[in-house]
Amino acid sequence: MGDKTQLLALVLAARYASIAAVVAGTTLGMLLANVPVVVLGERLLRRVPVRAVRRTAATIFAVLGALALVDPKF
């Protein structure tokens, strides 16, 4: 079982002959997407308590979950 990015990498590897290019491309893409978030998250945690970040995240997920239950198109 994998997430969408792992499944996409699998599909690309099956589609194209150069597995090295697929691995390099998917790895670079994940780094470009994740490194800024990790760096900014680390900076945020220097200024904001972990408990506040967790509560805010939990609230956002609860609201999004409720919206998804109320409006299936959401």
C-alpha atoms as a PDB file:
ATOM      1  CA  MET A   1       0.000   0.000   0.000  1.00  0.00           C
ATOM      2  CA  GLY A   2       1.301   3.426  -0.838  1.00  0.00           C
ATOM      3  CA  ASP A   3       0.237   6.985  -1.128  1.00  0.00           C
ATOM      4  CA  LYS A   4      -0.477   8.722  -4.424  1.00  0.00           C
ATOM      5  CA  THR A   5       3.116   9.803  -4.981  1.00  0.00           C
ATOM      6  CA  GLN A   6       4.407   6.247  -4.609  1.00  0.00           C
ATOM      7  CA  LEU A   7       1.744   4.956  -6.970  1.00  0.00           C
ATOM      8  CA  LEU A   8       2.604   7.654  -9.502  1.00  0.00           C
ATOM      9  CA  ALA A   9       6.292   6.710  -9.335  1.00  0.00           C
ATOM     10  CA  LEU A  10       5.329   3.075  -9.937  1.00  0.00           C
ATOM     11  CA  VAL A  11       3.202   4.007 -12.957  1.00  0.00           C
ATOM     12  CA  LEU A  12       5.965   6.193 -14.384  1.00  0.00           C
ATOM     13  CA  ALA A  13       8.534   3.446 -13.890  1.00  0.00           C
ATOM     14  CA  ALA A  14       6.268   1.011 -15.732  1.00  0.00           C
ATOM     15  CA  ARG A  15       5.663   3.506 -18.547  1.00  0.00           C
ATOM     16  CA  TYR A  16       9.211   4.715 -19.240  1.00  0.00           C
ATOM     17  CA  ALA A  17      12.322   2.646 -19.935  1.00  0.00           C
ATOM     18  CA  SER A  18      14.732   4.722 -17.852  1.00  0.00           C
ATOM     19  CA  ILE A  19      14.067   3.779 -14.255  1.00  0.00           C
ATOM     20  CA  ALA A  20      16.990   5.968 -13.141  1.00  0.00           C
ATOM     21  CA  ALA A  21      15.329   9.046 -14.679  1.00  0.00           C
ATOM     22  CA  VAL A  22      12.006   8.189 -13.020  1.00  0.00           C
ATOM     23  CA  VAL A  23      13.679   7.718  -9.625  1.00  0.00           C
ATOM     24  CA  ALA A  24      15.660  10.951 -10.019  1.00  0.00           C
ATOM     25  CA  GLY A  25      12.594  12.899 -11.147  1.00  0.00           C
ATOM     26  CA  THR A  26      10.253  11.631  -8.457  1.00  0.00           C
ATOM     27  CA  THR A  27      12.901  12.105  -5.767  1.00  0.00           C
ATOM     28  CA  LEU A  28      13.634  15.646  -6.931  1.00  0.00           C
ATOM     29  CA  GLY A  29       9.929  16.425  -7.051  1.00  0.00           C
ATOM     30  CA  MET A  30       9.379  15.180  -3.512  1.00  0.00           C
ATOM     31  CA  LEU A  31      12.384  17.148  -2.257  1.00  0.00           C
ATOM     32  CA  LEU A  32      11.132  20.329  -3.923  1.00  0.00           C
ATOM     33  CA  ALA A  33       7.731  19.828  -2.321  1.00  0.00           C
ATOM     34  CA  ASN A  34       8.848  18.723   1.153  1.00  0.00           C
ATOM     35  CA  VAL A  35      12.054  20.585   2.011  1.00  0.00           C
ATOM     36  CA  PRO A  36      10.456  24.061   2.180  1.00  0.00           C
ATOM     37  CA  VAL A  37       7.651  22.720   4.382  1.00  0.00           C
ATOM     38  CA  VAL A  38      10.093  21.043   6.762  1.00  0.00           C
ATOM     39  CA  VAL A  39      12.256  24.170   7.000  1.00  0.00           C
ATOM     40  CA  LEU A  40       9.283  26.479   7.575  1.00  0.00           C
ATOM     41  CA  GLY A  41       7.755  24.030  10.068  1.00  0.00           C
ATOM     42  CA  GLU A  42      10.976  23.932  12.050  1.00  0.00           C
ATOM     43  CA  ARG A  43      11.079  27.732  12.150  1.00  0.00           C
ATOM     44  CA  LEU A  44       7.428  27.887  13.189  1.00  0.00           C
ATOM     45  CA  LEU A  45       8.043  25.488  16.072  1.00  0.00           C
ATOM     46  CA  ARG A  46      10.753  27.785  17.405  1.00  0.00           C
ATOM     47  CA  ARG A  47       8.128  30.496  17.906  1.00  0.00           C
ATOM     48  CA  VAL A  48       4.876  28.623  18.540  1.00  0.00           C
ATOM     49  CA  PRO A  49       4.344  25.872  21.141  1.00  0.00           C
ATOM     50  CA  VAL A  50       3.874  22.350  19.756  1.00  0.00           C
ATOM     51  CA  ARG A  51       0.592  22.026  21.614  1.00  0.00           C
ATOM     52  CA  ALA A  52      -0.853  25.053  19.790  1.00  0.00           C
ATOM     53  CA  VAL A  53       0.254  23.674  16.420  1.00  0.00           C
ATOM     54  CA  ARG A  54      -1.330  20.293  17.168  1.00  0.00           C
ATOM     55  CA  ARG A  55      -4.595  21.837  18.328  1.00  0.00           C
ATOM     56  CA  THR A  56      -4.777  24.078  15.274  1.00  0.00           C
ATOM     57  CA  ALA A  57      -4.090  21.130  12.948  1.00  0.00           C
ATOM     58  CA  ALA A  58      -6.691  18.994  14.728  1.00  0.00           C
ATOM     59  CA  THR A  59      -9.269  21.771  14.417  1.00  0.00           C
ATOM     60  CA  ILE A  60      -8.570  22.209  10.704  1.00  0.00           C
ATOM     61  CA  PHE A  61      -8.859  18.458  10.073  1.00  0.00           C
ATOM     62  CA  ALA A  62     -12.099  18.270  12.084  1.00  0.00           C
ATOM     63  CA  VAL A  63     -13.630  21.147  10.130  1.00  0.00           C
ATOM     64  CA  LEU A  64     -12.567  19.630   6.798  1.00  0.00           C
ATOM     65  CA  GLY A  65     -13.943  16.249   7.871  1.00  0.00           C
ATOM     66  CA  ALA A  66     -17.269  17.787   8.869  1.00  0.00           C
ATOM     67  CA  LEU A  67     -17.457  19.636   5.553  1.00  0.00           C
ATOM     68  CA  ALA A  68     -16.747  16.425   3.679  1.00  0.00           C
ATOM     69  CA  LEU A  69     -19.576  14.678   5.550  1.00  0.00           C
ATOM     70  CA  VAL A  70     -22.033  17.517   4.910  1.00  0.00           C
ATOM     71  CA  ASP A  71     -21.075  18.146   1.265  1.00  0.00           C
ATOM     72  CA  PRO A  72     -19.739  15.070  -0.567  1.00  0.00           C
ATOM     73  CA  LYS A  73     -18.498  17.309  -3.418  1.00  0.00           C
ATOM     74  CA  PHE A  74     -16.152  19.033  -0.985  1.00  0.00           C
END
